[in-house]
Protein backbone atom coordinates (compact mmCIF):
# COMPACT_ATOMS: atom_id res chain seq x y z
CA UNK A 1 -41.54 30.24 -79.06
CA UNK A 2 -44.41 28.82 -81.10
CA UNK A 3 -43.72 30.72 -84.30
CA UNK A 4 -45.99 33.03 -86.24
CA UNK A 5 -45.17 33.01 -89.95
CA UNK A 6 -44.98 30.29 -92.60
CA UNK A 7 -44.90 29.65 -96.32
CA UNK A 8 -45.79 26.13 -97.39
CA UNK A 9 -47.63 23.78 -99.73
CA UNK A 10 -51.20 22.69 -99.13
CA UNK A 11 -51.19 18.97 -98.38
CA UNK A 12 -54.84 18.20 -99.21
CA UNK A 13 -57.71 19.93 -100.99
CA UNK A 14 -59.70 21.99 -98.51
CA UNK A 15 -61.88 25.12 -98.48
CA UNK A 16 -60.95 26.33 -101.95
CA UNK A 17 -57.24 25.53 -101.65
CA UNK A 18 -55.78 22.80 -103.84
CA UNK A 19 -53.12 20.30 -102.84
CA UNK A 20 -49.67 21.55 -103.82
CA UNK A 21 -50.57 25.24 -103.84
CA UNK A 22 -48.08 27.61 -102.26
CA UNK A 23 -49.62 29.55 -99.38
CA UNK A 24 -48.57 31.81 -96.53
CA UNK A 25 -49.79 32.79 -93.10
CA UNK A 26 -48.52 35.33 -90.56
CA UNK A 27 -50.80 34.87 -87.56
CA UNK A 28 -50.13 31.47 -86.00
CA UNK A 29 -48.85 30.81 -82.47
CA UNK A 30 -51.15 33.33 -80.80
CA UNK A 31 -54.55 33.23 -79.05
CA UNK A 32 -54.47 29.44 -78.84
CA UNK A 33 -53.57 28.81 -82.50
CA UNK A 34 -50.94 26.23 -83.41
CA UNK A 35 -47.47 27.68 -83.91
CA UNK A 36 -45.60 27.73 -87.21
CA UNK A 37 -42.48 26.05 -85.76
CA UNK A 38 -43.50 22.57 -86.89
CA UNK A 39 -43.06 20.44 -89.98
CA UNK A 40 -46.85 20.23 -90.35
CA UNK A 41 -49.39 22.90 -89.59
CA UNK A 42 -53.17 23.18 -89.54
CA UNK A 43 -54.05 26.73 -90.52
CA UNK A 44 -57.52 28.33 -90.34
CA UNK A 45 -58.57 28.84 -93.95
CA UNK A 46 -59.39 32.51 -93.39
CA UNK A 47 -55.80 33.12 -92.24
CA UNK A 48 -54.22 31.48 -95.29
CA UNK A 49 -53.24 33.36 -98.46
CA UNK A 50 -51.86 32.18 -101.78
CA UNK A 51 -48.23 32.93 -102.65
CA UNK A 52 -48.43 34.80 -105.98
CA UNK A 53 -46.73 33.46 -109.08
CA UNK A 54 -43.20 34.77 -109.41
CA UNK A 55 -42.75 35.51 -105.71
CA UNK A 56 -39.59 34.32 -103.97
CA UNK A 57 -40.79 32.13 -101.06
CA UNK A 58 -37.70 33.01 -99.04
CA UNK A 59 -38.45 36.72 -99.34
CA UNK A 60 -42.12 36.13 -98.59
CA UNK A 61 -41.46 34.11 -95.44
CA UNK A 62 -39.04 36.74 -94.17
CA UNK A 63 -41.36 39.67 -94.89
CA UNK A 64 -44.93 38.55 -94.17
CA UNK A 65 -44.74 39.86 -90.61
CA UNK A 66 -42.90 43.18 -91.12
CA UNK A 67 -44.70 44.01 -94.37
CA UNK A 68 -48.17 43.32 -92.93
CA UNK A 69 -47.25 45.33 -89.84
CA UNK A 70 -46.21 48.23 -92.05
CA UNK A 71 -49.35 48.07 -94.20
CA UNK A 72 -51.73 48.02 -91.26
CA UNK A 73 -49.84 50.80 -89.48
CA UNK A 74 -49.99 53.00 -92.57
CA UNK A 75 -53.43 52.24 -93.97
CA UNK A 76 -55.68 50.84 -91.26
CA UNK A 77 -54.40 52.87 -88.33
CA UNK A 78 -52.47 55.72 -89.98
CA UNK A 79 -55.06 56.37 -92.73
CA UNK A 80 -52.31 57.59 -95.06
CA UNK A 81 -53.40 59.59 -98.11
CA UNK A 82 -51.56 60.52 -101.33
CA UNK A 83 -49.63 63.74 -100.95
CA UNK A 84 -49.30 63.50 -97.18
CA UNK A 85 -45.97 63.75 -95.41
CA UNK A 86 -44.94 60.56 -93.58
CA UNK A 87 -42.05 60.31 -91.12
CA UNK A 88 -40.73 56.83 -90.27
CA UNK A 89 -38.62 56.54 -87.12
CA UNK A 90 -36.36 53.49 -87.45
CA UNK A 91 -36.30 53.21 -91.23
CA UNK A 92 -33.32 50.85 -91.31
CA UNK A 93 -35.15 47.74 -90.10
CA UNK A 94 -37.43 45.43 -92.07
CA UNK A 95 -40.60 47.03 -90.68
CA UNK A 96 -39.21 50.52 -91.21
CA UNK A 97 -38.10 49.69 -94.74
CA UNK A 98 -41.52 48.27 -95.60
CA UNK A 99 -43.12 51.43 -94.20
CA UNK A 100 -40.97 53.60 -96.46
CA UNK A 101 -41.62 51.47 -99.53
CA UNK A 102 -45.38 51.22 -99.00
CA UNK A 103 -45.83 54.88 -98.07
CA UNK A 104 -43.92 56.00 -101.17
CA UNK A 105 -46.01 53.64 -103.31
CA UNK A 106 -49.15 55.20 -101.81
CA UNK A 107 -48.06 58.61 -103.09
CA UNK A 108 -46.88 60.02 -99.77
CA UNK A 109 -43.82 62.19 -99.28
CA UNK A 110 -41.63 60.07 -97.03
CA UNK A 111 -38.81 60.92 -94.63
CA UNK A 112 -37.01 58.58 -92.24
CA UNK A 113 -34.61 58.50 -89.33
CA UNK A 114 -32.10 55.68 -89.05
CA UNK A 115 -28.49 54.90 -88.23
CA UNK A 116 -25.95 56.63 -90.46
CA UNK A 117 -25.11 53.37 -92.24
CA UNK A 118 -28.77 52.87 -93.19
CA UNK A 119 -29.54 56.28 -94.68
CA UNK A 120 -28.74 55.28 -98.25
CA UNK A 121 -30.92 52.20 -97.94
CA UNK A 122 -33.85 54.35 -96.78
CA UNK A 123 -33.46 56.65 -99.77
CA UNK A 124 -33.23 53.69 -102.14
CA UNK A 125 -36.60 52.46 -100.84
CA UNK A 126 -38.27 55.76 -101.66
CA UNK A 127 -37.56 58.20 -98.83
CA UNK A 128 -37.20 61.78 -100.04
CA UNK A 129 -34.51 62.12 -97.40
CA UNK A 130 -33.23 60.26 -94.35
CA UNK A 131 -31.53 61.59 -91.23
CA UNK A 132 -29.09 60.13 -88.73
CA UNK A 133 -30.98 59.75 -85.47
CA UNK A 134 -27.75 60.47 -83.54
CA UNK A 135 -27.23 63.83 -85.27
CA UNK A 136 -27.40 66.69 -82.75
CA UNK A 137 -29.07 68.80 -85.45
CA UNK A 138 -31.85 66.26 -85.98
CA UNK A 139 -34.68 68.36 -84.43
CA UNK A 140 -33.98 71.21 -86.83
CA UNK A 141 -33.71 68.90 -89.83
CA UNK A 142 -37.02 67.24 -89.03
CA UNK A 143 -38.71 70.59 -88.57
CA UNK A 144 -37.48 71.60 -92.03
CA UNK A 145 -39.46 68.86 -93.77
CA UNK A 146 -42.68 70.65 -92.90
CA UNK A 147 -45.71 69.53 -90.89
CA UNK A 148 -45.92 65.75 -90.64
CA UNK A 149 -49.29 64.14 -91.33
CA UNK A 150 -48.28 60.66 -90.15
CA UNK A 151 -45.42 59.74 -87.82
CA UNK A 152 -44.85 55.98 -87.52
CA UNK A 153 -42.45 55.10 -84.71
CA UNK A 154 -40.70 51.72 -84.94
CA UNK A 155 -37.67 52.85 -82.93
CA UNK A 156 -39.31 52.87 -79.49
CA UNK A 157 -37.55 56.02 -78.26
CA UNK A 158 -40.93 57.68 -77.84
CA UNK A 159 -40.01 61.33 -77.40
CA UNK A 160 -43.65 62.30 -77.65
CA UNK A 161 -43.11 65.98 -76.91
CA UNK A 162 -40.80 66.37 -79.89
CA UNK A 163 -42.95 64.15 -82.09
CA UNK A 164 -46.19 65.99 -81.38
CA UNK A 165 -44.57 69.33 -82.23
CA UNK A 166 -43.81 68.00 -85.73
CA UNK A 167 -47.41 67.08 -86.49
CA UNK A 168 -49.70 68.90 -88.87
CA UNK A 169 -53.29 69.73 -87.98
CA UNK A 170 -54.99 66.36 -87.44
CA UNK A 171 -51.63 64.64 -87.69
CA UNK A 172 -51.34 61.10 -86.37
CA UNK A 173 -48.67 59.17 -84.49
CA UNK A 174 -48.71 55.37 -84.69
CA UNK A 175 -46.59 53.60 -82.07
CA UNK A 176 -45.14 50.16 -82.82
CA UNK A 177 -42.41 49.89 -80.18
CA UNK A 178 -41.24 51.04 -76.76
CA UNK A 179 -43.44 48.96 -74.47
CA UNK A 180 -41.55 50.02 -71.34
CA UNK A 181 -41.18 53.71 -72.15
CA UNK A 182 -43.12 56.30 -70.15
CA UNK A 183 -43.06 59.46 -72.26
CA UNK A 184 -44.50 62.84 -71.38
CA UNK A 185 -47.64 63.46 -73.42
CA UNK A 186 -48.33 67.13 -74.27
CA UNK A 187 -52.12 67.00 -74.01
CA UNK A 188 -52.79 70.56 -75.06
CA UNK A 189 -50.75 70.34 -78.24
CA UNK A 190 -52.67 67.18 -79.11
CA UNK A 191 -56.30 68.10 -78.56
CA UNK A 192 -56.07 71.75 -79.58
CA UNK A 193 -54.89 70.69 -83.05
CA UNK A 194 -57.01 67.52 -83.41
CA UNK A 195 -53.88 65.38 -83.30
CA UNK A 196 -53.87 61.76 -82.15
CA UNK A 197 -51.60 59.00 -80.87
CA UNK A 198 -52.47 55.38 -81.66
CA UNK A 199 -50.86 52.13 -80.55
CA UNK A 200 -50.77 49.13 -82.85
CA UNK A 201 -49.65 45.50 -82.44
CA UNK A 202 -50.20 43.07 -85.29
CA UNK A 203 -51.09 40.33 -82.80
CA UNK A 204 -54.38 42.17 -82.27
CA UNK A 205 -55.23 42.51 -85.97
CA UNK A 206 -58.54 41.00 -87.06
CA UNK A 207 -58.90 38.32 -89.70
CA UNK A 208 -60.35 40.90 -92.08
CA UNK A 209 -57.49 43.34 -91.49
CA UNK A 210 -54.89 40.63 -92.11
CA UNK A 211 -56.67 39.54 -95.29
CA UNK A 212 -56.78 43.14 -96.55
CA UNK A 213 -53.05 43.42 -95.89
CA UNK A 214 -52.35 40.17 -97.74
CA UNK A 215 -54.34 41.33 -100.77
CA UNK A 216 -52.31 44.55 -100.88
CA UNK A 217 -48.93 42.89 -100.32
CA UNK A 218 -49.17 39.97 -102.75
CA UNK A 219 -48.78 42.08 -105.92
CA UNK A 220 -45.63 43.58 -104.46
CA UNK A 221 -44.28 40.15 -103.51
CA UNK A 222 -44.97 39.02 -107.10
CA UNK A 223 -43.07 42.04 -108.44
CA UNK A 224 -40.02 41.23 -106.31
CA UNK A 225 -40.56 44.15 -103.95
CA UNK A 226 -40.68 44.10 -100.14
CA UNK A 227 -37.50 42.06 -99.80
CA UNK A 228 -35.50 41.42 -96.63
CA UNK A 229 -32.29 43.38 -96.51
CA UNK A 230 -30.04 40.37 -96.30
CA UNK A 231 -30.35 36.58 -96.25
CA UNK A 232 -27.67 34.02 -95.50
CA UNK A 233 -28.29 30.46 -96.73
CA UNK A 234 -26.38 27.93 -94.64
CA UNK A 235 -26.06 24.19 -94.36
CA UNK A 236 -25.56 22.27 -91.11
CA UNK A 237 -22.26 20.83 -89.95
CA UNK A 238 -21.19 17.92 -92.06
CA UNK A 239 -23.13 19.20 -95.10
CA UNK A 240 -20.60 21.62 -96.56
CA UNK A 241 -21.00 22.47 -100.20
CA UNK A 242 -24.73 21.82 -100.45
CA UNK A 243 -26.12 24.33 -102.99
CA UNK A 244 -28.48 27.12 -101.96
CA UNK A 245 -32.19 26.57 -102.58
CA UNK A 246 -33.59 27.17 -106.09
CA UNK A 247 -34.52 30.78 -106.70
CA UNK A 248 -31.87 32.19 -104.34
CA UNK A 249 -31.39 35.82 -105.30
CA UNK A 250 -28.05 36.84 -106.88
CA UNK A 251 -25.64 38.12 -104.27
CA UNK A 252 -27.28 36.20 -101.46
CA UNK A 253 -24.57 35.04 -99.11
CA UNK A 254 -24.16 31.28 -98.78
CA UNK A 255 -22.01 29.51 -96.19
CA UNK A 256 -21.21 25.99 -95.12
CA UNK A 257 -21.23 24.90 -91.48
CA UNK A 258 -23.10 27.05 -89.02
CA UNK A 259 -23.28 27.19 -85.27
CA UNK A 260 -26.94 27.53 -84.32
CA UNK A 261 -25.95 29.27 -81.08
CA UNK A 262 -25.01 32.92 -81.34
CA UNK A 263 -26.13 36.18 -82.84
CA UNK A 264 -26.97 36.80 -86.45
CA UNK A 265 -25.63 39.96 -88.16
CA UNK A 266 -28.01 42.91 -88.03
CA UNK A 267 -31.10 42.70 -90.23
CA UNK A 268 -30.08 39.29 -91.59
CA UNK A 269 -32.09 36.10 -91.99
CA UNK A 270 -30.05 32.90 -91.92
CA UNK A 271 -31.51 30.03 -93.94
CA UNK A 272 -30.11 26.60 -93.10
CA UNK A 273 -30.77 23.93 -95.73
CA UNK A 274 -30.98 20.34 -94.52
CA UNK A 275 -31.17 17.83 -97.42
CA UNK A 276 -33.86 15.17 -97.32
CA UNK A 277 -36.19 13.20 -99.54
CA UNK A 278 -39.44 15.01 -99.98
CA UNK A 279 -40.70 18.58 -100.25
CA UNK A 280 -38.63 21.49 -98.95
CA UNK A 281 -39.46 23.15 -95.64
CA UNK A 282 -38.20 26.27 -93.88
CA UNK A 283 -38.29 26.46 -90.12
CA UNK A 284 -36.85 29.36 -88.19
CA UNK A 285 -35.72 30.56 -84.82
CA UNK A 286 -35.85 34.35 -84.37
CA UNK A 287 -32.77 34.83 -86.54
CA UNK A 288 -31.89 31.43 -87.96
CA UNK A 289 -34.08 29.69 -90.52
CA UNK A 290 -33.68 25.96 -91.06
CA UNK A 291 -34.67 24.48 -94.43
CA UNK A 292 -35.40 20.78 -94.33
CA UNK A 293 -37.37 18.30 -96.40
CA UNK A 294 -40.52 16.70 -95.10
CA UNK A 295 -43.01 14.19 -96.44
CA UNK A 296 -46.58 14.99 -97.38
CA UNK A 297 -48.69 15.49 -94.30
CA UNK A 298 -51.59 13.10 -93.87
CA UNK A 299 -53.40 14.38 -90.78
CA UNK A 300 -54.38 11.82 -88.16
CA UNK A 301 -57.65 13.70 -87.71
CA UNK A 302 -59.93 15.58 -90.12
CA UNK A 303 -59.36 19.34 -90.28
CA UNK A 304 -61.84 21.61 -88.59
CA UNK A 305 -64.47 23.25 -90.74
CA UNK A 306 -62.55 26.54 -90.67
CA UNK A 307 -59.13 25.05 -91.40
CA UNK A 308 -56.95 24.15 -94.35
CA UNK A 309 -54.15 21.60 -93.93
CA UNK A 310 -50.69 22.81 -94.90
CA UNK A 311 -47.53 20.78 -95.43
CA UNK A 312 -45.32 23.63 -94.31
CA UNK A 313 -42.45 24.07 -96.74
CA UNK A 314 -41.25 27.44 -95.66
CA UNK A 315 -41.78 28.60 -92.11
CA UNK A 316 -40.38 31.64 -90.37
CA UNK A 317 -40.57 31.85 -86.63
CA UNK A 318 -41.24 35.37 -85.52
CA UNK A 319 -39.74 34.98 -82.05
CA UNK A 320 -40.82 38.43 -80.88
C-alpha cells in the first residue's frame, strides 16, 4: 500500500510554495507517483494545495480523499444544481457524510439511506430526512420524497432497477462502489426519460478536477466543516500518558498503548503519536495513523521541474 493522502510542511522553496507552509495532497501512490506512506515525499506542484489558516490538519488528512470524492461526484459528474433533490445511498460513511454536507451547502434538497444508528448523523449534516436501508418499507419511503435528480451510490448494493425508477426526467445516477456487482439495467426507463448512469473513481480524476475540488473544499476545512466522524489519538507501547497533538478537537478519544494489529471501530481514524525531536508527521495504514517526528528533508537530488518537495508532517494512507 503506497498511500494516497498527506498533509505536511514544505521543506524548501519551490514553484511558489515557501518552506514551512502547510500543504496537502490526495493523489499520490497511483500511476507511478510516489506514495504518501513515507517520512519524506516529492509531490508534483500541480497536485499540492495549501492548508488554509484555521484548519485542523488531523481533520484535513482524514478527509481529503472522501471530501474530494464527494465534491467531484456531486459537481463534476453529478452536475448538481440548487433546488434539485439528491439521494445519497450510504450516508453514514465519510464519503456519504461529505456528500450530504456538500449537497446541502449547494442548495439541494438532500435525503440519505444509512444504518439505523447513523440516521441522526445524516440529518445533522443537512439531510432533510434519512432512512434505514434495512427497513422493509424503504421503497415506499424513497418514492415519497419525489423524483430524484441525482442519486449518488456509495453503498455498492446497486439495485439499478429500483434506483432508475426513482429518477426524475434527466435524472443522474453516479456510482462510487460495487465493483463486483452485476445489476440489471432497465434500458427503456433510462433512455426514454433522458436518464443516465455514470461511474466515477477519484483515481481517474484529472489534475484540473482535483485542483477545482481543493479550491472548493479549503474554505470548508478552514471553517471546521467536513470533519471525520471520529478520531482516536494513541501512543505506542511504552509511551503511555503522552498528550494528544496540539489542536486535538474536544471530545476526541485519546488512549495509551495500542496494538497495531486488529480492526479499528467503524468510521474511526486512529492517530498514533510517536515523540521525537523535529517536526511532527502523520503516517497511516488504512485505519491506523501514526504520528512521528522527522527532521527537515534535504533531498539527495534536485526536484523535478513539476515538483515541490514536502517534509510530510501529516500523512494519511488511503489503503483502498
